[in-house]
């Protein structure tokens, strides 16, 4: 189970259910910013996750229409890179 707590301005905490119990991994917005996949990849490699469940999406329709490149990066390209 992975749970994100916080908002876009705080640190995120990711709770991971493992055989030994819950592990709390702290991450900054910059580390999990899907528009900067280099930082995301670094964070993933550092923490050696076995499974990733991505719940992030650019869901503001009007904003996505105004920023189609960013919306495509987050909703399409980043998802492909996470796989």
C-alpha atoms as a PDB file:
ATOM      1  CA  UNK A   1       0.000   0.000   0.000  1.00  0.00           C
ATOM      2  CA  UNK A   2       1.308   3.437  -0.884  1.00  0.00           C
ATOM      3  CA  UNK A   3      -0.376   6.518   0.496  1.00  0.00           C
ATOM      4  CA  UNK A   4       0.502  10.109  -0.305  1.00  0.00           C
ATOM      5  CA  UNK A   5      -0.075  12.632   2.461  1.00  0.00           C
ATOM      6  CA  UNK A   6       0.359  16.354   2.047  1.00  0.00           C
ATOM      7  CA  UNK A   7      -0.243  18.775  -0.772  1.00  0.00           C
ATOM      8  CA  UNK A   8       1.758  20.317  -3.571  1.00  0.00           C
ATOM      9  CA  UNK A   9       3.510  22.693  -1.173  1.00  0.00           C
ATOM     10  CA  UNK A  10       4.632  20.213   1.533  1.00  0.00           C
ATOM     11  CA  UNK A  11       6.825  17.239   1.795  1.00  0.00           C
ATOM     12  CA  UNK A  12       5.179  13.990   0.805  1.00  0.00           C
ATOM     13  CA  UNK A  13       5.269  10.898   2.957  1.00  0.00           C
ATOM     14  CA  UNK A  14       4.878   7.576   1.246  1.00  0.00           C
ATOM     15  CA  UNK A  15       3.863   4.690   3.470  1.00  0.00           C
ATOM     16  CA  UNK A  16       4.914   1.312   2.154  1.00  0.00           C
ATOM     17  CA  UNK A  17       3.521  -1.888   3.588  1.00  0.00           C
ATOM     18  CA  UNK A  18       6.324  -4.416   3.772  1.00  0.00           C
ATOM     19  CA  UNK A  19       6.894  -7.719   5.547  1.00  0.00           C
ATOM     20  CA  UNK A  20       8.544  -5.846   8.411  1.00  0.00           C
ATOM     21  CA  UNK A  21       5.700  -3.316   8.721  1.00  0.00           C
ATOM     22  CA  UNK A  22       5.165   0.191   7.410  1.00  0.00           C
ATOM     23  CA  UNK A  23       8.119   2.107   6.067  1.00  0.00           C
ATOM     24  CA  UNK A  24       7.799   5.904   5.902  1.00  0.00           C
ATOM     25  CA  UNK A  25       9.726   7.404   2.994  1.00  0.00           C
ATOM     26  CA  UNK A  26       9.887  11.200   2.876  1.00  0.00           C
ATOM     27  CA  UNK A  27      10.003  12.990  -0.458  1.00  0.00           C
ATOM     28  CA  UNK A  28       9.992  16.602  -1.575  1.00  0.00           C
ATOM     29  CA  UNK A  29       7.821  17.992  -4.356  1.00  0.00           C
ATOM     30  CA  UNK A  30      10.948  18.305  -6.514  1.00  0.00           C
ATOM     31  CA  UNK A  31      11.804  14.610  -6.067  1.00  0.00           C
ATOM     32  CA  UNK A  32       8.347  13.513  -7.246  1.00  0.00           C
ATOM     33  CA  UNK A  33       7.697  16.185  -9.886  1.00  0.00           C
ATOM     34  CA  UNK A  34       6.712  14.137 -12.950  1.00  0.00           C
ATOM     35  CA  UNK A  35       7.681  17.007 -15.245  1.00  0.00           C
ATOM     36  CA  UNK A  36      11.307  16.414 -14.149  1.00  0.00           C
ATOM     37  CA  UNK A  37      11.686  12.680 -14.594  1.00  0.00           C
ATOM     38  CA  UNK A  38      15.434  12.737 -13.912  1.00  0.00           C
ATOM     39  CA  UNK A  39      14.722  13.580 -10.249  1.00  0.00           C
ATOM     40  CA  UNK A  40      11.925  11.004 -10.050  1.00  0.00           C
ATOM     41  CA  UNK A  41      14.214   8.292 -11.453  1.00  0.00           C
ATOM     42  CA  UNK A  42      16.931   9.242  -8.940  1.00  0.00           C
ATOM     43  CA  UNK A  43      14.394   8.996  -6.075  1.00  0.00           C
ATOM     44  CA  UNK A  44      13.149   5.591  -7.267  1.00  0.00           C
ATOM     45  CA  UNK A  45      16.673   4.194  -7.640  1.00  0.00           C
ATOM     46  CA  UNK A  46      17.728   5.520  -4.220  1.00  0.00           C
ATOM     47  CA  UNK A  47      14.773   3.858  -2.477  1.00  0.00           C
ATOM     48  CA  UNK A  48      14.800   0.642  -4.546  1.00  0.00           C
ATOM     49  CA  UNK A  49      11.020   0.229  -4.798  1.00  0.00           C
ATOM     50  CA  UNK A  50       9.808  -3.119  -6.130  1.00  0.00           C
ATOM     51  CA  UNK A  51       6.389  -1.800  -7.138  1.00  0.00           C
ATOM     52  CA  UNK A  52       5.209   1.678  -8.084  1.00  0.00           C
ATOM     53  CA  UNK A  53       1.560   2.696  -8.159  1.00  0.00           C
ATOM     54  CA  UNK A  54       1.168   6.018  -9.934  1.00  0.00           C
ATOM     55  CA  UNK A  55      -1.911   8.012  -8.924  1.00  0.00           C
ATOM     56  CA  UNK A  56      -0.676  11.335 -10.288  1.00  0.00           C
ATOM     57  CA  UNK A  57      -2.477  13.011 -13.151  1.00  0.00           C
ATOM     58  CA  UNK A  58      -3.014  16.416 -14.688  1.00  0.00           C
ATOM     59  CA  UNK A  59      -6.784  16.561 -14.173  1.00  0.00           C
ATOM     60  CA  UNK A  60      -7.631  20.256 -14.543  1.00  0.00           C
ATOM     61  CA  UNK A  61      -9.238  20.125 -17.982  1.00  0.00           C
ATOM     62  CA  UNK A  62      -9.151  23.855 -18.741  1.00  0.00           C
ATOM     63  CA  UNK A  63      -5.538  24.115 -17.598  1.00  0.00           C
ATOM     64  CA  UNK A  64      -4.612  21.005 -19.615  1.00  0.00           C
ATOM     65  CA  UNK A  65      -6.053  22.636 -22.731  1.00  0.00           C
ATOM     66  CA  UNK A  66      -3.893  25.712 -22.066  1.00  0.00           C
ATOM     67  CA  UNK A  67      -0.796  23.613 -21.311  1.00  0.00           C
ATOM     68  CA  UNK A  68      -1.072  20.571 -23.605  1.00  0.00           C
ATOM     69  CA  UNK A  69       2.670  19.805 -23.556  1.00  0.00           C
ATOM     70  CA  UNK A  70       2.768  19.642 -19.742  1.00  0.00           C
ATOM     71  CA  UNK A  71      -0.488  17.639 -19.599  1.00  0.00           C
ATOM     72  CA  UNK A  72       0.904  15.129 -22.117  1.00  0.00           C
ATOM     73  CA  UNK A  73       4.178  14.902 -20.189  1.00  0.00           C
ATOM     74  CA  UNK A  74       2.430  14.073 -16.895  1.00  0.00           C
ATOM     75  CA  UNK A  75      -0.483  11.966 -18.183  1.00  0.00           C
ATOM     76  CA  UNK A  76       1.312  10.076 -20.931  1.00  0.00           C
ATOM     77  CA  UNK A  77       5.096  10.300 -21.155  1.00  0.00           C
ATOM     78  CA  UNK A  78       5.835  10.110 -17.404  1.00  0.00           C
ATOM     79  CA  UNK A  79       3.528   7.098 -17.033  1.00  0.00           C
ATOM     80  CA  UNK A  80       5.383   5.341 -19.847  1.00  0.00           C
ATOM     81  CA  UNK A  81       8.742   6.161 -18.230  1.00  0.00           C
ATOM     82  CA  UNK A  82       7.579   4.836 -14.842  1.00  0.00           C
ATOM     83  CA  UNK A  83       6.697   1.518 -16.489  1.00  0.00           C
END
